[in-house]
Amino acid sequence: MNHLVSQLEVAKQHCRVGDFHKAYRTLRRYYDRIPFLVENGHVQYINYFAHCLAELGRCGDVEFYLGEIRRRHGKNSSSTIKYLLAVFQCITDPPEMEKARDLFEAILRE
């Protein structure tokens, strides 16, 4: 297991025990790549990152990542981008559940 994956797995464990501050630091470093590069690994850990953002009340972060993912979705509508966008739409305030559902259904149809 490479160093990044081991760090992400530790962050996942922090999330599971409710230590969201520790998890957030690692996950944020990983998700800060989104404006430049979206990786398939982003899908694997997005639920933990979204949970951290929601628990810590990081509304500004949610809006930032949502905007970046929407921008990427306009250029590339891959399943990876759709999934990331749908997850962030679920945690916006107010949640955009209908839009998220449409994206999840589109992924299933692919």
C-alpha atoms as a PDB file:
ATOM      1  CA  MET A   1       0.000   0.000   0.000  1.00  0.00           C
ATOM      2  CA  ASN A   2       1.469   3.352  -0.948  1.00  0.00           C
ATOM      3  CA  HIS A   3       1.854   6.208   1.515  1.00  0.00           C
ATOM      4  CA  LEU A   4      -1.156   8.208   0.268  1.00  0.00           C
ATOM      5  CA  VAL A   5      -3.511   5.242   0.499  1.00  0.00           C
ATOM      6  CA  SER A   6      -2.313   4.429   4.006  1.00  0.00           C
ATOM      7  CA  GLN A   7      -2.922   8.070   5.064  1.00  0.00           C
ATOM      8  CA  LEU A   8      -6.420   7.965   3.558  1.00  0.00           C
ATOM      9  CA  GLU A   9      -7.169   4.711   5.358  1.00  0.00           C
ATOM     10  CA  VAL A  10      -6.077   6.280   8.661  1.00  0.00           C
ATOM     11  CA  ALA A  11      -8.336   9.264   7.922  1.00  0.00           C
ATOM     12  CA  LYS A  12     -11.191   6.852   7.241  1.00  0.00           C
ATOM     13  CA  GLN A  13     -10.645   5.272  10.655  1.00  0.00           C
ATOM     14  CA  HIS A  14     -10.641   8.706  12.306  1.00  0.00           C
ATOM     15  CA  CYS A  15     -13.986   9.377  10.631  1.00  0.00           C
ATOM     16  CA  ARG A  16     -15.433   6.112  11.855  1.00  0.00           C
ATOM     17  CA  VAL A  17     -14.608   6.946  15.472  1.00  0.00           C
ATOM     18  CA  GLY A  18     -15.827  10.540  15.181  1.00  0.00           C
ATOM     19  CA  ASP A  19     -12.453  12.296  15.168  1.00  0.00           C
ATOM     20  CA  PHE A  20     -13.455  14.518  12.262  1.00  0.00           C
ATOM     21  CA  HIS A  21     -10.762  17.168  12.775  1.00  0.00           C
ATOM     22  CA  LYS A  22      -7.947  14.661  12.229  1.00  0.00           C
ATOM     23  CA  ALA A  23      -9.721  13.059   9.283  1.00  0.00           C
ATOM     24  CA  TYR A  24     -10.455  16.450   7.739  1.00  0.00           C
ATOM     25  CA  ARG A  25      -6.786  17.490   7.620  1.00  0.00           C
ATOM     26  CA  THR A  26      -5.761  14.467   5.572  1.00  0.00           C
ATOM     27  CA  LEU A  27      -8.849  14.292   3.387  1.00  0.00           C
ATOM     28  CA  ARG A  28      -8.748  17.988   2.589  1.00  0.00           C
ATOM     29  CA  ARG A  29      -5.165  17.701   1.312  1.00  0.00           C
ATOM     30  CA  TYR A  30      -6.328  14.907  -0.990  1.00  0.00           C
ATOM     31  CA  TYR A  31      -9.477  16.665  -2.236  1.00  0.00           C
ATOM     32  CA  ASP A  32      -7.644  19.944  -2.802  1.00  0.00           C
ATOM     33  CA  ARG A  33      -6.424  18.296  -6.020  1.00  0.00           C
ATOM     34  CA  ILE A  34      -9.916  18.445  -7.553  1.00  0.00           C
ATOM     35  CA  PRO A  35      -9.447  21.811  -9.300  1.00  0.00           C
ATOM     36  CA  PHE A  36      -6.460  20.309 -11.120  1.00  0.00           C
ATOM     37  CA  LEU A  37      -7.068  16.569 -11.308  1.00  0.00           C
ATOM     38  CA  VAL A  38      -9.951  14.255 -10.458  1.00  0.00           C
ATOM     39  CA  GLU A  39      -8.838  10.735  -9.618  1.00  0.00           C
ATOM     40  CA  ASN A  40     -10.875   7.567  -9.316  1.00  0.00           C
ATOM     41  CA  GLY A  41      -9.716   7.411  -5.692  1.00  0.00           C
ATOM     42  CA  HIS A  42     -11.734  10.539  -4.981  1.00  0.00           C
ATOM     43  CA  VAL A  43     -14.866   8.414  -5.329  1.00  0.00           C
ATOM     44  CA  GLN A  44     -13.609   5.877  -2.792  1.00  0.00           C
ATOM     45  CA  TYR A  45     -13.232   8.407   0.031  1.00  0.00           C
ATOM     46  CA  ILE A  46     -15.804  11.073  -0.888  1.00  0.00           C
ATOM     47  CA  ASN A  47     -18.399   9.878   1.610  1.00  0.00           C
ATOM     48  CA  TYR A  48     -15.918  10.234   4.469  1.00  0.00           C
ATOM     49  CA  PHE A  49     -14.879  13.681   3.300  1.00  0.00           C
ATOM     50  CA  ALA A  50     -18.493  14.792   2.880  1.00  0.00           C
ATOM     51  CA  HIS A  51     -19.301  13.470   6.363  1.00  0.00           C
ATOM     52  CA  CYS A  52     -16.362  15.447   7.818  1.00  0.00           C
ATOM     53  CA  LEU A  53     -17.454  18.631   6.072  1.00  0.00           C
ATOM     54  CA  ALA A  54     -21.021  18.227   7.277  1.00  0.00           C
ATOM     55  CA  GLU A  55     -20.060  17.381  10.868  1.00  0.00           C
ATOM     56  CA  LEU A  56     -17.590  20.253  11.089  1.00  0.00           C
ATOM     57  CA  GLY A  57     -20.006  22.737   9.489  1.00  0.00           C
ATOM     58  CA  ARG A  58     -17.578  23.574   6.679  1.00  0.00           C
ATOM     59  CA  CYS A  59     -20.203  25.199   4.408  1.00  0.00           C
ATOM     60  CA  GLY A  60     -17.600  27.301   2.614  1.00  0.00           C
ATOM     61  CA  ASP A  61     -15.633  24.190   1.734  1.00  0.00           C
ATOM     62  CA  VAL A  62     -18.774  22.465   0.477  1.00  0.00           C
ATOM     63  CA  GLU A  63     -19.547  25.412  -1.787  1.00  0.00           C
ATOM     64  CA  PHE A  64     -15.961  25.547  -3.059  1.00  0.00           C
ATOM     65  CA  TYR A  65     -15.787  21.856  -3.955  1.00  0.00           C
ATOM     66  CA  LEU A  66     -19.299  21.904  -5.391  1.00  0.00           C
ATOM     67  CA  GLY A  67     -18.331  24.797  -7.660  1.00  0.00           C
ATOM     68  CA  GLU A  68     -15.120  23.089  -8.790  1.00  0.00           C
ATOM     69  CA  ILE A  69     -16.874  19.803  -9.482  1.00  0.00           C
ATOM     70  CA  ARG A  70     -19.664  21.586 -11.385  1.00  0.00           C
ATOM     71  CA  ARG A  71     -17.020  23.320 -13.476  1.00  0.00           C
ATOM     72  CA  ARG A  72     -15.383  19.969 -14.238  1.00  0.00           C
ATOM     73  CA  HIS A  73     -18.767  18.387 -14.961  1.00  0.00           C
ATOM     74  CA  GLY A  74     -19.337  21.011 -17.644  1.00  0.00           C
ATOM     75  CA  LYS A  75     -16.165  19.833 -19.389  1.00  0.00           C
ATOM     76  CA  ASN A  76     -16.279  16.109 -18.616  1.00  0.00           C
ATOM     77  CA  SER A  77     -19.349  14.202 -17.528  1.00  0.00           C
ATOM     78  CA  SER A  78     -17.636  10.956 -16.547  1.00  0.00           C
ATOM     79  CA  SER A  79     -19.210   8.692 -13.936  1.00  0.00           C
ATOM     80  CA  THR A  80     -16.544   9.776 -11.465  1.00  0.00           C
ATOM     81  CA  ILE A  81     -17.429  13.455 -11.845  1.00  0.00           C
ATOM     82  CA  LYS A  82     -21.151  12.717 -11.715  1.00  0.00           C
ATOM     83  CA  TYR A  83     -20.769  10.746  -8.486  1.00  0.00           C
ATOM     84  CA  LEU A  84     -18.690  13.439  -6.791  1.00  0.00           C
ATOM     85  CA  LEU A  85     -21.181  16.098  -7.870  1.00  0.00           C
ATOM     86  CA  ALA A  86     -24.148  14.069  -6.618  1.00  0.00           C
ATOM     87  CA  VAL A  87     -22.562  13.537  -3.200  1.00  0.00           C
ATOM     88  CA  PHE A  88     -21.834  17.244  -2.790  1.00  0.00           C
ATOM     89  CA  GLN A  89     -25.364  18.112  -3.922  1.00  0.00           C
ATOM     90  CA  CYS A  90     -26.649  15.961  -1.059  1.00  0.00           C
ATOM     91  CA  ILE A  91     -24.772  17.993   1.558  1.00  0.00           C
ATOM     92  CA  THR A  92     -25.364  21.532   0.295  1.00  0.00           C
ATOM     93  CA  ASP A  93     -27.635  23.803   2.248  1.00  0.00           C
ATOM     94  CA  PRO A  94     -30.359  23.284   1.178  1.00  0.00           C
ATOM     95  CA  PRO A  95     -29.708  19.800  -0.237  1.00  0.00           C
ATOM     96  CA  GLU A  96     -30.260  19.361  -3.962  1.00  0.00           C
ATOM     97  CA  MET A  97     -31.642  15.840  -3.658  1.00  0.00           C
ATOM     98  CA  GLU A  98     -33.546  15.767  -6.956  1.00  0.00           C
ATOM     99  CA  LYS A  99     -30.449  16.770  -8.918  1.00  0.00           C
ATOM    100  CA  ALA A 100     -28.356  14.249  -6.994  1.00  0.00           C
ATOM    101  CA  ARG A 101     -30.877  11.485  -7.646  1.00  0.00           C
ATOM    102  CA  ASP A 102     -30.864  12.268 -11.359  1.00  0.00           C
ATOM    103  CA  LEU A 103     -27.070  11.971 -11.425  1.00  0.00           C
ATOM    104  CA  PHE A 104     -27.066   8.714  -9.459  1.00  0.00           C
ATOM    105  CA  GLU A 105     -29.647   7.289 -11.856  1.00  0.00           C
ATOM    106  CA  ALA A 106     -27.595   8.434 -14.869  1.00  0.00           C
ATOM    107  CA  ILE A 107     -24.563   6.619 -13.453  1.00  0.00           C
ATOM    108  CA  LEU A 108     -26.577   3.432 -13.036  1.00  0.00           C
ATOM    109  CA  ARG A 109     -27.779   3.646 -16.635  1.00  0.00           C
ATOM    110  CA  GLU A 110     -24.192   3.875 -17.960  1.00  0.00           C
END
